[in-house]
Amino acid sequence: MSDILLEAKAVAKHFGGVKALRDVSLTIRRGEVYGLIGPNGAGKTTFFNCMTGLYIPDGGGFVFDGLALQADAPHQAAERGIARTFQNIRLFGNMTAIENVMVGRHVRTKAGVFGAMLMNRRTRDEEAAIRQRALELLHYVDIADRADDLAKNLSYGDQRRLEIARALATEPKLLCLDEPAAGMNATETEELRVLIEGIRNDGTTVLLIEHDVKLVMGLCDRVAVLDYGSLVIEDVPAVVQKDQRVIEAYLGA
């Protein structure tokens, strides 16, 4: 088995005359935390969207787990083993925390329309297993005590954790986190760092978009920097943070 889990090959995305991604190529290895950083408008979320089926690239493509990734819709990426959270939290606010996580299991369940209608023994057993796994994941992200609370009534930090639990419910090989520390205080950010390290240690590769450079440099095994849709550098944090092009991208020439 190759140690490369995801390879992006010359990925391009245009919106009219705006080139949001310009032939971006990078590789993510199994078992690492990989950081994707850059100034606002650099193309980071566009890259996520192309990879997870929200956008169709205008050029290039992805190889995931040894096979071409042709995800024309988000559920197809989820079925292949790619899960994500969003920069702006997207939970089902009027559903409970445990129901939100249970929704994430749909790509790994077998009961179809007739099973749901008849509620036979097999369907009931599967439903019970889904609920049990959802509760385990709420324990994993440390919000099991809020299982029966509506998602909209959770604190901001707990909503972030709930999104991660829902993504983990799909059993991803690659977990993509889009600015998970946005809006968090120092204590919440440290708790998030511990959670992400635990996810990686438990066997899930993590791709992280984040503006908190201190978090990225202390957590990620390798980091890629985008600026104006182009890849500036891809290397270990110690090299990236000293690169003059990275300094200029963030601070100006």
C-alpha atoms as a PDB file:
ATOM      1  CA  MET A   1       0.000   0.000   0.000  1.00  0.00           C
ATOM      2  CA  SER A   2       1.334   3.428  -0.937  1.00  0.00           C
ATOM      3  CA  ASP A   3       1.924   5.873   1.911  1.00  0.00           C
ATOM      4  CA  ILE A   4       0.246   8.573  -0.238  1.00  0.00           C
ATOM      5  CA  LEU A   5      -3.449   8.834   0.642  1.00  0.00           C
ATOM      6  CA  LEU A   6      -4.383  11.844  -1.509  1.00  0.00           C
ATOM      7  CA  GLU A   7      -2.610  13.346  -4.492  1.00  0.00           C
ATOM      8  CA  ALA A   8      -3.813  16.556  -6.111  1.00  0.00           C
ATOM      9  CA  LYS A   9      -2.602  16.905  -9.701  1.00  0.00           C
ATOM     10  CA  ALA A  10      -2.601  20.377 -11.268  1.00  0.00           C
ATOM     11  CA  VAL A  11      -6.043  21.228  -9.856  1.00  0.00           C
ATOM     12  CA  ALA A  12      -7.512  24.387 -11.388  1.00  0.00           C
ATOM     13  CA  LYS A  13     -10.778  26.196 -10.723  1.00  0.00           C
ATOM     14  CA  HIS A  14     -12.008  29.381 -12.417  1.00  0.00           C
ATOM     15  CA  PHE A  15     -14.968  31.611 -11.652  1.00  0.00           C
ATOM     16  CA  GLY A  16     -15.333  33.710 -14.777  1.00  0.00           C
ATOM     17  CA  GLY A  17     -12.050  35.576 -15.084  1.00  0.00           C
ATOM     18  CA  VAL A  18     -10.998  34.795 -11.506  1.00  0.00           C
ATOM     19  CA  LYS A  19      -8.529  31.931 -11.209  1.00  0.00           C
ATOM     20  CA  ALA A  20      -9.274  30.627  -7.726  1.00  0.00           C
ATOM     21  CA  LEU A  21      -6.888  27.675  -8.123  1.00  0.00           C
ATOM     22  CA  ARG A  22      -3.927  27.633 -10.489  1.00  0.00           C
ATOM     23  CA  ASP A  23      -2.580  24.137 -11.163  1.00  0.00           C
ATOM     24  CA  VAL A  24      -2.239  23.152  -7.506  1.00  0.00           C
ATOM     25  CA  SER A  25      -0.370  19.881  -6.921  1.00  0.00           C
ATOM     26  CA  LEU A  26       0.288  18.393  -3.484  1.00  0.00           C
ATOM     27  CA  THR A  27       0.343  15.063  -1.657  1.00  0.00           C
ATOM     28  CA  ILE A  28      -1.064  13.998   1.707  1.00  0.00           C
ATOM     29  CA  ARG A  29       0.435  10.952   3.394  1.00  0.00           C
ATOM     30  CA  ARG A  30      -1.435   8.396   5.433  1.00  0.00           C
ATOM     31  CA  GLY A  31      -1.503   9.079   9.144  1.00  0.00           C
ATOM     32  CA  GLU A  32      -0.366  12.695   9.092  1.00  0.00           C
ATOM     33  CA  VAL A  33      -1.923  16.003  10.023  1.00  0.00           C
ATOM     34  CA  TYR A  34      -1.504  18.151   6.926  1.00  0.00           C
ATOM     35  CA  GLY A  35      -1.991  21.910   7.112  1.00  0.00           C
ATOM     36  CA  LEU A  36      -3.284  24.104   4.284  1.00  0.00           C
ATOM     37  CA  ILE A  37      -2.796  27.790   5.018  1.00  0.00           C
ATOM     38  CA  GLY A  38      -2.731  31.125   3.220  1.00  0.00           C
ATOM     39  CA  PRO A  39      -4.248  34.603   3.346  1.00  0.00           C
ATOM     40  CA  ASN A  40      -7.966  35.198   2.840  1.00  0.00           C
ATOM     41  CA  GLY A  41      -8.921  34.512  -0.767  1.00  0.00           C
ATOM     42  CA  ALA A  42      -5.920  32.240  -1.370  1.00  0.00           C
ATOM     43  CA  GLY A  43      -8.113  29.352  -2.576  1.00  0.00           C
ATOM     44  CA  LYS A  44      -8.054  27.055   0.458  1.00  0.00           C
ATOM     45  CA  THR A  45     -11.787  26.436   0.770  1.00  0.00           C
ATOM     46  CA  THR A  46     -12.106  26.231  -3.029  1.00  0.00           C
ATOM     47  CA  PHE A  47      -9.568  23.392  -2.892  1.00  0.00           C
ATOM     48  CA  PHE A  48     -11.696  21.637  -0.244  1.00  0.00           C
ATOM     49  CA  ASN A  49     -14.814  22.143  -2.344  1.00  0.00           C
ATOM     50  CA  CYS A  50     -13.197  20.673  -5.452  1.00  0.00           C
ATOM     51  CA  MET A  51     -11.989  17.653  -3.498  1.00  0.00           C
ATOM     52  CA  THR A  52     -15.308  16.963  -1.766  1.00  0.00           C
ATOM     53  CA  GLY A  53     -17.658  17.288  -4.739  1.00  0.00           C
ATOM     54  CA  LEU A  54     -19.139  20.745  -4.167  1.00  0.00           C
ATOM     55  CA  TYR A  55     -17.189  22.080  -7.166  1.00  0.00           C
ATOM     56  CA  ILE A  56     -15.996  20.310 -10.286  1.00  0.00           C
ATOM     57  CA  PRO A  57     -12.401  21.304 -11.138  1.00  0.00           C
ATOM     58  CA  ASP A  58     -11.777  23.054 -14.448  1.00  0.00           C
ATOM     59  CA  GLY A  59      -8.451  21.285 -14.765  1.00  0.00           C
ATOM     60  CA  GLY A  60      -6.462  18.495 -13.150  1.00  0.00           C
ATOM     61  CA  GLY A  61      -7.882  16.117 -10.577  1.00  0.00           C
ATOM     62  CA  PHE A  62      -7.314  13.949  -7.529  1.00  0.00           C
ATOM     63  CA  VAL A  63      -6.119  10.426  -6.790  1.00  0.00           C
ATOM     64  CA  PHE A  64      -7.445   9.107  -3.471  1.00  0.00           C
ATOM     65  CA  ASP A  65      -6.338   5.854  -1.877  1.00  0.00           C
ATOM     66  CA  GLY A  66      -4.785   4.716  -5.154  1.00  0.00           C
ATOM     67  CA  LEU A  67      -7.798   5.392  -7.388  1.00  0.00           C
ATOM     68  CA  ALA A  68      -8.959   8.424  -9.352  1.00  0.00           C
ATOM     69  CA  LEU A  69     -11.384  10.503  -7.305  1.00  0.00           C
ATOM     70  CA  GLN A  70     -14.391  11.463  -9.381  1.00  0.00           C
ATOM     71  CA  ALA A  71     -16.689  13.098  -6.858  1.00  0.00           C
ATOM     72  CA  ASP A  72     -19.419  15.076  -8.593  1.00  0.00           C
ATOM     73  CA  ALA A  73     -21.425  15.352  -5.358  1.00  0.00           C
ATOM     74  CA  PRO A  74     -20.515  15.441  -1.657  1.00  0.00           C
ATOM     75  CA  HIS A  75     -22.084  12.055  -0.872  1.00  0.00           C
ATOM     76  CA  GLN A  76     -19.784  10.411  -3.415  1.00  0.00           C
ATOM     77  CA  ALA A  77     -16.711  11.807  -1.648  1.00  0.00           C
ATOM     78  CA  ALA A  78     -18.121  10.642   1.695  1.00  0.00           C
ATOM     79  CA  GLU A  79     -18.647   7.139   0.322  1.00  0.00           C
ATOM     80  CA  ARG A  80     -15.010   7.045  -0.805  1.00  0.00           C
ATOM     81  CA  GLY A  81     -13.845   8.012   2.692  1.00  0.00           C
ATOM     82  CA  ILE A  82     -13.499  11.808   2.698  1.00  0.00           C
ATOM     83  CA  ALA A  83     -15.411  13.756   5.356  1.00  0.00           C
ATOM     84  CA  ARG A  84     -15.348  17.460   6.092  1.00  0.00           C
ATOM     85  CA  THR A  85     -16.513  20.232   8.363  1.00  0.00           C
ATOM     86  CA  PHE A  86     -17.295  23.756   7.201  1.00  0.00           C
ATOM     87  CA  GLN A  87     -15.898  27.209   7.846  1.00  0.00           C
ATOM     88  CA  ASN A  88     -19.432  28.323   8.742  1.00  0.00           C
ATOM     89  CA  ILE A  89     -21.025  25.715  10.994  1.00  0.00           C
ATOM     90  CA  ARG A  90     -23.630  23.639   9.153  1.00  0.00           C
ATOM     91  CA  LEU A  91     -25.585  21.600  11.659  1.00  0.00           C
ATOM     92  CA  PHE A  92     -29.246  20.665  11.745  1.00  0.00           C
ATOM     93  CA  GLY A  93     -30.170  23.171  14.409  1.00  0.00           C
ATOM     94  CA  ASN A  94     -33.591  21.727  15.272  1.00  0.00           C
ATOM     95  CA  MET A  95     -32.243  18.199  15.662  1.00  0.00           C
ATOM     96  CA  THR A  96     -30.513  16.957  18.791  1.00  0.00           C
ATOM     97  CA  ALA A  97     -26.774  16.447  18.982  1.00  0.00           C
ATOM     98  CA  ILE A  98     -27.101  12.671  18.784  1.00  0.00           C
ATOM     99  CA  GLU A  99     -29.483  12.920  15.810  1.00  0.00           C
ATOM    100  CA  ASN A 100     -26.959  15.095  13.971  1.00  0.00           C
ATOM    101  CA  VAL A 101     -24.290  12.425  14.419  1.00  0.00           C
ATOM    102  CA  MET A 102     -26.691   9.659  13.407  1.00  0.00           C
ATOM    103  CA  VAL A 103     -27.280  11.475  10.100  1.00  0.00           C
ATOM    104  CA  GLY A 104     -23.565  11.112   9.397  1.00  0.00           C
ATOM    105  CA  ARG A 105     -23.896   7.325   9.433  1.00  0.00           C
ATOM    106  CA  HIS A 106     -26.190   7.217   6.384  1.00  0.00           C
ATOM    107  CA  VAL A 107     -23.364   6.403   3.953  1.00  0.00           C
ATOM    108  CA  ARG A 108     -22.449   3.295   5.994  1.00  0.00           C
ATOM    109  CA  THR A 109     -25.949   1.886   6.472  1.00  0.00           C
ATOM    110  CA  LYS A 110     -27.757  -0.785   4.460  1.00  0.00           C
ATOM    111  CA  ALA A 111     -31.477  -0.392   5.255  1.00  0.00           C
ATOM    112  CA  GLY A 112     -33.315   0.923   2.218  1.00  0.00           C
ATOM    113  CA  VAL A 113     -36.762   2.391   1.663  1.00  0.00           C
ATOM    114  CA  PHE A 114     -38.596  -0.878   2.349  1.00  0.00           C
ATOM    115  CA  GLY A 115     -36.610  -1.485   5.514  1.00  0.00           C
ATOM    116  CA  ALA A 116     -37.526   1.975   6.770  1.00  0.00           C
ATOM    117  CA  MET A 117     -41.180   1.368   5.935  1.00  0.00           C
ATOM    118  CA  LEU A 118     -41.464  -2.102   7.432  1.00  0.00           C
ATOM    119  CA  MET A 119     -39.039  -1.556  10.342  1.00  0.00           C
ATOM    120  CA  ASN A 120     -38.104  -5.233  10.356  1.00  0.00           C
ATOM    121  CA  ARG A 121     -35.677  -6.779  12.843  1.00  0.00           C
ATOM    122  CA  ARG A 122     -32.629  -6.075  10.706  1.00  0.00           C
ATOM    123  CA  THR A 123     -33.563  -2.410  10.336  1.00  0.00           C
ATOM    124  CA  ARG A 124     -34.256  -2.016  14.058  1.00  0.00           C
ATOM    125  CA  ASP A 125     -30.911  -3.598  14.932  1.00  0.00           C
ATOM    126  CA  GLU A 126     -29.124  -1.300  12.500  1.00  0.00           C
ATOM    127  CA  GLU A 127     -30.912   1.742  13.950  1.00  0.00           C
ATOM    128  CA  ALA A 128     -29.829   0.729  17.453  1.00  0.00           C
ATOM    129  CA  ALA A 129     -26.233   0.291  16.270  1.00  0.00           C
ATOM    130  CA  ILE A 130     -26.304   3.729  14.626  1.00  0.00           C
ATOM    131  CA  ARG A 131     -27.506   5.330  17.845  1.00  0.00           C
ATOM    132  CA  GLN A 132     -24.889   3.514  19.916  1.00  0.00           C
ATOM    133  CA  ARG A 133     -22.076   4.583  17.575  1.00  0.00           C
ATOM    134  CA  ALA A 134     -23.334   8.185  17.607  1.00  0.00           C
ATOM    135  CA  LEU A 135     -23.252   8.189  21.401  1.00  0.00           C
ATOM    136  CA  GLU A 136     -19.715   6.788  21.367  1.00  0.00           C
ATOM    137  CA  LEU A 137     -18.617   9.604  19.074  1.00  0.00           C
ATOM    138  CA  LEU A 138     -20.207  12.216  21.319  1.00  0.00           C
ATOM    139  CA  HIS A 139     -18.167  10.735  24.170  1.00  0.00           C
ATOM    140  CA  TYR A 140     -15.094  10.854  21.914  1.00  0.00           C
ATOM    141  CA  VAL A 141     -15.447  14.604  21.343  1.00  0.00           C
ATOM    142  CA  ASP A 142     -16.442  15.127  24.994  1.00  0.00           C
ATOM    143  CA  ILE A 143     -20.023  16.381  24.589  1.00  0.00           C
ATOM    144  CA  ALA A 144     -21.979  13.239  25.471  1.00  0.00           C
ATOM    145  CA  ASP A 145     -23.765  15.135  28.242  1.00  0.00           C
ATOM    146  CA  ARG A 146     -25.408  17.295  25.543  1.00  0.00           C
ATOM    147  CA  ALA A 147     -26.627  14.359  23.458  1.00  0.00           C
ATOM    148  CA  ASP A 148     -30.312  15.220  23.777  1.00  0.00           C
ATOM    149  CA  ASP A 149     -29.927  19.006  23.433  1.00  0.00           C
ATOM    150  CA  LEU A 150     -30.860  20.724  20.188  1.00  0.00           C
ATOM    151  CA  ALA A 151     -27.760  21.571  18.158  1.00  0.00           C
ATOM    152  CA  LYS A 152     -28.738  25.244  18.009  1.00  0.00           C
ATOM    153  CA  ASN A 153     -28.648  25.421  21.816  1.00  0.00           C
ATOM    154  CA  LEU A 154     -25.046  24.216  22.110  1.00  0.00           C
ATOM    155  CA  SER A 155     -22.194  26.612  22.738  1.00  0.00           C
ATOM    156  CA  TYR A 156     -20.054  27.625  19.767  1.00  0.00           C
ATOM    157  CA  GLY A 157     -17.201  25.346  20.787  1.00  0.00           C
ATOM    158  CA  ASP A 158     -19.525  22.389  21.321  1.00  0.00           C
ATOM    159  CA  GLN A 159     -21.087  22.955  17.900  1.00  0.00           C
ATOM    160  CA  ARG A 160     -17.610  22.717  16.382  1.00  0.00           C
ATOM    161  CA  ARG A 161     -17.044  19.443  18.225  1.00  0.00           C
ATOM    162  CA  LEU A 162     -20.429  18.159  17.099  1.00  0.00           C
ATOM    163  CA  GLU A 163     -19.526  18.826  13.466  1.00  0.00           C
ATOM    164  CA  ILE A 164     -16.354  16.793  13.919  1.00  0.00           C
ATOM    165  CA  ALA A 165     -18.320  13.935  15.515  1.00  0.00           C
ATOM    166  CA  ARG A 166     -20.776  13.935  12.596  1.00  0.00           C
ATOM    167  CA  ALA A 167     -17.898  13.828  10.103  1.00  0.00           C
ATOM    168  CA  LEU A 168     -16.262  10.954  12.004  1.00  0.00           C
ATOM    169  CA  ALA A 169     -19.548   9.053  11.830  1.00  0.00           C
ATOM    170  CA  THR A 170     -18.922   8.484   8.109  1.00  0.00           C
ATOM    171  CA  GLU A 171     -15.779   6.478   9.008  1.00  0.00           C
ATOM    172  CA  PRO A 172     -13.440   8.666   6.946  1.00  0.00           C
ATOM    173  CA  LYS A 173      -9.948   7.826   5.842  1.00  0.00           C
ATOM    174  CA  LEU A 174      -9.360  11.567   5.422  1.00  0.00           C
ATOM    175  CA  LEU A 175     -10.970  14.141   7.726  1.00  0.00           C
ATOM    176  CA  CYS A 176     -10.956  17.681   6.303  1.00  0.00           C
ATOM    177  CA  LEU A 177     -11.396  20.477   8.842  1.00  0.00           C
ATOM    178  CA  ASP A 178     -12.120  23.976   7.514  1.00  0.00           C
ATOM    179  CA  GLU A 179     -10.994  26.524  10.141  1.00  0.00           C
ATOM    180  CA  PRO A 180     -12.162  24.518  13.168  1.00  0.00           C
ATOM    181  CA  ALA A 181     -10.501  26.926  15.633  1.00  0.00           C
ATOM    182  CA  ALA A 182     -12.188  30.051  14.215  1.00  0.00           C
ATOM    183  CA  GLY A 183     -13.812  31.993  17.036  1.00  0.00           C
ATOM    184  CA  MET A 184     -12.335  29.832  19.787  1.00  0.00           C
ATOM    185  CA  ASN A 185     -10.508  31.141  22.825  1.00  0.00           C
ATOM    186  CA  ALA A 186      -7.077  29.844  23.866  1.00  0.00           C
ATOM    187  CA  THR A 187      -8.486  27.090  26.100  1.00  0.00           C
ATOM    188  CA  GLU A 188     -10.869  25.827  23.441  1.00  0.00           C
ATOM    189  CA  THR A 189      -8.084  25.896  20.836  1.00  0.00           C
ATOM    190  CA  GLU A 190      -5.828  23.784  23.044  1.00  0.00           C
ATOM    191  CA  GLU A 191      -8.650  21.289  23.597  1.00  0.00           C
ATOM    192  CA  LEU A 192      -9.143  21.170  19.820  1.00  0.00           C
ATOM    193  CA  ARG A 193      -5.441  20.483  19.298  1.00  0.00           C
ATOM    194  CA  VAL A 194      -5.621  17.528  21.696  1.00  0.00           C
ATOM    195  CA  LEU A 195      -8.719  16.201  19.907  1.00  0.00           C
ATOM    196  CA  ILE A 196      -7.098  16.414  16.456  1.00  0.00           C
ATOM    197  CA  GLU A 197      -3.976  14.660  17.709  1.00  0.00           C
ATOM    198  CA  GLY A 198      -6.177  11.922  19.136  1.00  0.00           C
ATOM    199  CA  ILE A 199      -8.009  11.516  15.829  1.00  0.00           C
ATOM    200  CA  ARG A 200      -4.697  11.141  14.004  1.00  0.00           C
ATOM    201  CA  ASN A 201      -3.340   8.719  16.603  1.00  0.00           C
ATOM    202  CA  ASP A 202      -6.476   6.608  16.171  1.00  0.00           C
ATOM    203  CA  GLY A 203      -5.708   6.159  12.484  1.00  0.00           C
ATOM    204  CA  THR A 204      -7.498   8.947  10.601  1.00  0.00           C
ATOM    205  CA  THR A 205      -5.503  11.285   8.371  1.00  0.00           C
ATOM    206  CA  VAL A 206      -6.361  14.958   8.894  1.00  0.00           C
ATOM    207  CA  LEU A 207      -6.291  17.860   6.425  1.00  0.00           C
ATOM    208  CA  LEU A 208      -6.528  21.167   8.259  1.00  0.00           C
ATOM    209  CA  ILE A 209      -7.324  24.655   6.942  1.00  0.00           C
ATOM    210  CA  GLU A 210      -6.580  27.133   9.672  1.00  0.00           C
ATOM    211  CA  HIS A 211      -5.670  30.793  10.159  1.00  0.00           C
ATOM    212  CA  ASP A 212      -4.169  30.142  13.596  1.00  0.00           C
ATOM    213  CA  VAL A 213      -0.582  29.756  12.387  1.00  0.00           C
ATOM    214  CA  LYS A 214       0.664  28.856  15.860  1.00  0.00           C
ATOM    215  CA  LEU A 215      -1.780  25.935  15.993  1.00  0.00           C
ATOM    216  CA  VAL A 216      -0.812  24.782  12.503  1.00  0.00           C
ATOM    217  CA  MET A 217       2.930  24.957  13.077  1.00  0.00           C
ATOM    218  CA  GLY A 218       2.696  23.099  16.367  1.00  0.00           C
ATOM    219  CA  LEU A 219       0.303  20.407  15.189  1.00  0.00           C
ATOM    220  CA  CYS A 220       0.910  19.624  11.513  1.00  0.00           C
ATOM    221  CA  ASP A 221       3.502  17.231  10.137  1.00  0.00           C
ATOM    222  CA  ARG A 222       3.650  19.115   6.839  1.00  0.00           C
ATOM    223  CA  VAL A 223       2.179  22.374   5.607  1.00  0.00           C
ATOM    224  CA  ALA A 224       1.210  23.738   2.191  1.00  0.00           C
ATOM    225  CA  VAL A 225       0.796  27.459   1.572  1.00  0.00           C
ATOM    226  CA  LEU A 226      -1.526  28.888  -1.077  1.00  0.00           C
ATOM    227  CA  ASP A 227      -1.491  32.480  -2.303  1.00  0.00           C
ATOM    228  CA  TYR A 228      -3.694  33.838  -5.100  1.00  0.00           C
ATOM    229  CA  GLY A 229      -4.668  30.270  -5.967  1.00  0.00           C
ATOM    230  CA  SER A 230      -1.094  29.032  -6.443  1.00  0.00           C
ATOM    231  CA  LEU A 231       0.983  26.700  -4.299  1.00  0.00           C
ATOM    232  CA  VAL A 232       3.841  28.657  -2.723  1.00  0.00           C
ATOM    233  CA  ILE A 233       5.532  25.868  -0.781  1.00  0.00           C
ATOM    234  CA  GLU A 234       4.873  22.412   0.675  1.00  0.00           C
ATOM    235  CA  ASP A 235       7.224  21.312   3.454  1.00  0.00           C
ATOM    236  CA  VAL A 236       7.644  20.697   7.165  1.00  0.00           C
ATOM    237  CA  PRO A 237       6.577  23.590   9.440  1.00  0.00           C
ATOM    238  CA  ALA A 238      10.117  24.610  10.381  1.00  0.00           C
ATOM    239  CA  VAL A 239      10.942  25.248   6.718  1.00  0.00           C
ATOM    240  CA  VAL A 240       7.610  26.824   5.778  1.00  0.00           C
ATOM    241  CA  GLN A 241       7.553  29.467   8.513  1.00  0.00           C
ATOM    242  CA  LYS A 242      11.001  30.729   7.511  1.00  0.00           C
ATOM    243  CA  ASP A 243      10.290  30.893   3.774  1.00  0.00           C
ATOM    244  CA  GLN A 244      10.459  34.468   2.504  1.00  0.00           C
ATOM    245  CA  ARG A 245       7.595  33.893   0.048  1.00  0.00           C
ATOM    246  CA  VAL A 246       5.334  32.816   2.918  1.00  0.00           C
ATOM    247  CA  ILE A 247       6.303  35.862   4.966  1.00  0.00           C
ATOM    248  CA  GLU A 248       5.517  38.105   2.010  1.00  0.00           C
ATOM    249  CA  ALA A 249       2.182  36.389   1.376  1.00  0.00           C
ATOM    250  CA  TYR A 250       1.049  37.119   4.928  1.00  0.00           C
ATOM    251  CA  LEU A 251       2.792  40.421   5.637  1.00  0.00           C
ATOM    252  CA  GLY A 252       3.437  41.959   2.214  1.00  0.00           C
ATOM    253  CA  ALA A 253       6.722  42.290   0.352  1.00  0.00           C
END
